[in-house]
Amino acid sequence: MQGLVIGFSRPFVSALIVPNFDLLEEWCHDNDIHWTSAQYIVHNIKVREKFEQELSKINETLTNYKQIRKFILCHEEWTVENKLLTATQKPIRKSLLALFEKDINKLYL
């Protein structure tokens, strides 16, 4: 799983999340959710609910202002080749924010 927390100069914290698609596919099969592809499964209501539940567990350990309220599930892994990770495997914040700008702005409407 990959993630990037967003919140600087924003009213609340949100995140970009790339699921571990191997584990997600296994979970879908175990829960009778039809797996098609990563591109479509990130929009599945049950998958989104699962991530909301997991984030709720994490949020219980965080103070209110650090809790992730909204998120975007990304269907493509971030790699050095697609210029979304540095050579040391760190997310390139500027590139990710530009790539998902429209989706991020929708979170804060």
C-alpha atoms as a PDB file:
ATOM      1  CA  MET A   1       0.000   0.000   0.000  1.00  0.00           C
ATOM      2  CA  GLN A   2       1.128   3.523  -0.751  1.00  0.00           C
ATOM      3  CA  GLY A   3      -0.257   6.727   0.647  1.00  0.00           C
ATOM      4  CA  LEU A   4       0.108  10.470   0.805  1.00  0.00           C
ATOM      5  CA  VAL A   5      -1.508  12.612   3.492  1.00  0.00           C
ATOM      6  CA  ILE A   6      -2.888  15.979   2.401  1.00  0.00           C
ATOM      7  CA  GLY A   7      -3.884  18.713   4.773  1.00  0.00           C
ATOM      8  CA  PHE A   8      -1.570  21.710   4.737  1.00  0.00           C
ATOM      9  CA  SER A   9      -3.693  24.882   4.392  1.00  0.00           C
ATOM     10  CA  ARG A  10      -6.821  22.731   4.143  1.00  0.00           C
ATOM     11  CA  PRO A  11      -9.802  22.551   6.530  1.00  0.00           C
ATOM     12  CA  PHE A  12      -9.177  18.846   7.280  1.00  0.00           C
ATOM     13  CA  VAL A  13      -6.817  15.988   6.502  1.00  0.00           C
ATOM     14  CA  SER A  14      -7.362  13.739   3.515  1.00  0.00           C
ATOM     15  CA  ALA A  15      -5.239  11.123   1.773  1.00  0.00           C
ATOM     16  CA  LEU A  16      -4.340   9.538  -1.521  1.00  0.00           C
ATOM     17  CA  ILE A  17      -4.185   5.761  -1.111  1.00  0.00           C
ATOM     18  CA  VAL A  18      -2.936   3.063  -3.465  1.00  0.00           C
ATOM     19  CA  PRO A  19      -4.196  -0.289  -2.143  1.00  0.00           C
ATOM     20  CA  ASN A  20      -2.129  -3.444  -2.152  1.00  0.00           C
ATOM     21  CA  PHE A  21      -4.021  -4.903  -5.092  1.00  0.00           C
ATOM     22  CA  ASP A  22      -2.961  -8.504  -4.450  1.00  0.00           C
ATOM     23  CA  LEU A  23      -4.423  -8.372  -0.937  1.00  0.00           C
ATOM     24  CA  LEU A  24      -7.455  -6.418  -2.126  1.00  0.00           C
ATOM     25  CA  GLU A  25      -8.187  -8.978  -4.842  1.00  0.00           C
ATOM     26  CA  GLU A  26      -7.966 -11.771  -2.267  1.00  0.00           C
ATOM     27  CA  TRP A  27     -10.288  -9.855   0.087  1.00  0.00           C
ATOM     28  CA  CYS A  28     -12.769  -9.319  -2.756  1.00  0.00           C
ATOM     29  CA  HIS A  29     -12.829 -13.025  -3.565  1.00  0.00           C
ATOM     30  CA  ASP A  30     -13.302 -13.877   0.119  1.00  0.00           C
ATOM     31  CA  ASN A  31     -16.212 -11.428   0.345  1.00  0.00           C
ATOM     32  CA  ASP A  32     -17.951 -12.362  -2.922  1.00  0.00           C
ATOM     33  CA  ILE A  33     -17.090  -9.094  -4.637  1.00  0.00           C
ATOM     34  CA  HIS A  34     -16.550  -9.450  -8.371  1.00  0.00           C
ATOM     35  CA  TRP A  35     -12.987  -8.491  -9.234  1.00  0.00           C
ATOM     36  CA  THR A  36     -12.545  -6.875 -12.622  1.00  0.00           C
ATOM     37  CA  SER A  37      -9.481  -4.649 -12.516  1.00  0.00           C
ATOM     38  CA  ALA A  38      -7.814  -2.138 -10.255  1.00  0.00           C
ATOM     39  CA  GLN A  39      -9.214   0.704 -12.327  1.00  0.00           C
ATOM     40  CA  TYR A  40     -12.785  -0.291 -11.518  1.00  0.00           C
ATOM     41  CA  ILE A  41     -12.493  -1.919  -8.097  1.00  0.00           C
ATOM     42  CA  VAL A  42     -11.372   1.348  -6.431  1.00  0.00           C
ATOM     43  CA  HIS A  43     -14.880   2.694  -7.134  1.00  0.00           C
ATOM     44  CA  ASN A  44     -16.703  -0.313  -5.660  1.00  0.00           C
ATOM     45  CA  ILE A  45     -18.914   0.733  -2.736  1.00  0.00           C
ATOM     46  CA  LYS A  46     -17.968  -2.269  -0.578  1.00  0.00           C
ATOM     47  CA  VAL A  47     -14.261  -1.693  -1.178  1.00  0.00           C
ATOM     48  CA  ARG A  48     -14.610   1.970  -0.239  1.00  0.00           C
ATOM     49  CA  GLU A  49     -16.526   0.962   2.907  1.00  0.00           C
ATOM     50  CA  LYS A  50     -13.690  -1.426   3.831  1.00  0.00           C
ATOM     51  CA  PHE A  51     -11.158   1.392   3.550  1.00  0.00           C
ATOM     52  CA  GLU A  52     -13.427   3.691   5.576  1.00  0.00           C
ATOM     53  CA  GLN A  53     -13.529   1.043   8.326  1.00  0.00           C
ATOM     54  CA  GLU A  54      -9.753   0.660   8.294  1.00  0.00           C
ATOM     55  CA  LEU A  55      -9.252   4.430   8.418  1.00  0.00           C
ATOM     56  CA  SER A  56     -11.705   4.655  11.321  1.00  0.00           C
ATOM     57  CA  LYS A  57      -9.530   2.221  13.278  1.00  0.00           C
ATOM     58  CA  ILE A  58      -6.454   4.308  12.545  1.00  0.00           C
ATOM     59  CA  ASN A  59      -8.281   7.556  13.350  1.00  0.00           C
ATOM     60  CA  GLU A  60      -9.172   6.242  16.812  1.00  0.00           C
ATOM     61  CA  THR A  61      -5.471   6.467  17.695  1.00  0.00           C
ATOM     62  CA  LEU A  62      -5.077  10.026  16.395  1.00  0.00           C
ATOM     63  CA  THR A  63      -6.037  13.399  17.790  1.00  0.00           C
ATOM     64  CA  ASN A  64      -8.975  15.047  16.028  1.00  0.00           C
ATOM     65  CA  TYR A  65      -6.979  17.417  13.821  1.00  0.00           C
ATOM     66  CA  LYS A  66      -4.790  14.544  12.535  1.00  0.00           C
ATOM     67  CA  GLN A  67      -7.650  12.245  11.550  1.00  0.00           C
ATOM     68  CA  ILE A  68      -8.149  11.446   7.871  1.00  0.00           C
ATOM     69  CA  ARG A  69     -11.701  12.438   6.961  1.00  0.00           C
ATOM     70  CA  LYS A  70     -11.743  11.753   3.227  1.00  0.00           C
ATOM     71  CA  PHE A  71      -9.624   9.776   0.799  1.00  0.00           C
ATOM     72  CA  ILE A  72      -9.060   8.941  -2.830  1.00  0.00           C
ATOM     73  CA  LEU A  73      -8.329   5.358  -3.852  1.00  0.00           C
ATOM     74  CA  CYS A  74      -5.854   5.387  -6.720  1.00  0.00           C
ATOM     75  CA  HIS A  75      -5.909   2.573  -9.267  1.00  0.00           C
ATOM     76  CA  GLU A  76      -2.297   2.850 -10.409  1.00  0.00           C
ATOM     77  CA  GLU A  77       0.769   2.192  -8.293  1.00  0.00           C
ATOM     78  CA  TRP A  78       3.257   4.990  -7.926  1.00  0.00           C
ATOM     79  CA  THR A  79       6.632   4.112  -9.412  1.00  0.00           C
ATOM     80  CA  VAL A  80       9.904   5.726 -10.364  1.00  0.00           C
ATOM     81  CA  GLU A  81       9.047   5.004 -14.002  1.00  0.00           C
ATOM     82  CA  ASN A  82       5.786   6.970 -13.920  1.00  0.00           C
ATOM     83  CA  LYS A  83       7.637   9.740 -12.074  1.00  0.00           C
ATOM     84  CA  LEU A  84       5.489   9.568  -8.939  1.00  0.00           C
ATOM     85  CA  LEU A  85       8.268   8.180  -6.711  1.00  0.00           C
ATOM     86  CA  THR A  86      11.847   9.264  -6.212  1.00  0.00           C
ATOM     87  CA  ALA A  87      14.721   6.829  -6.700  1.00  0.00           C
ATOM     88  CA  THR A  88      14.547   6.214  -2.931  1.00  0.00           C
ATOM     89  CA  GLN A  89      10.843   5.249  -3.204  1.00  0.00           C
ATOM     90  CA  LYS A  90       9.447   8.435  -1.656  1.00  0.00           C
ATOM     91  CA  PRO A  91       6.266   9.941  -3.119  1.00  0.00           C
ATOM     92  CA  ILE A  92       6.806  13.064  -5.196  1.00  0.00           C
ATOM     93  CA  ARG A  93       4.214  15.282  -3.540  1.00  0.00           C
ATOM     94  CA  LYS A  94       4.184  17.998  -6.216  1.00  0.00           C
ATOM     95  CA  SER A  95       3.565  15.483  -9.026  1.00  0.00           C
ATOM     96  CA  LEU A  96       0.856  13.620  -7.101  1.00  0.00           C
ATOM     97  CA  LEU A  97      -0.942  16.816  -6.115  1.00  0.00           C
ATOM     98  CA  ALA A  98      -0.883  17.987  -9.742  1.00  0.00           C
ATOM     99  CA  LEU A  99      -2.064  14.616 -11.086  1.00  0.00           C
ATOM    100  CA  PHE A 100      -4.977  14.376  -8.650  1.00  0.00           C
ATOM    101  CA  GLU A 101      -5.724  18.104  -8.373  1.00  0.00           C
ATOM    102  CA  LYS A 102      -9.338  17.875  -9.616  1.00  0.00           C
ATOM    103  CA  ASP A 103     -10.159  14.902  -7.387  1.00  0.00           C
ATOM    104  CA  ILE A 104      -8.533  16.534  -4.355  1.00  0.00           C
ATOM    105  CA  ASN A 105     -10.461  19.756  -4.931  1.00  0.00           C
ATOM    106  CA  LYS A 106     -13.717  17.758  -5.025  1.00  0.00           C
ATOM    107  CA  LEU A 107     -12.907  16.391  -1.545  1.00  0.00           C
ATOM    108  CA  TYR A 108     -12.928  19.907  -0.148  1.00  0.00           C
ATOM    109  CA  LEU A 109     -16.150  21.183  -1.724  1.00  0.00           C
END
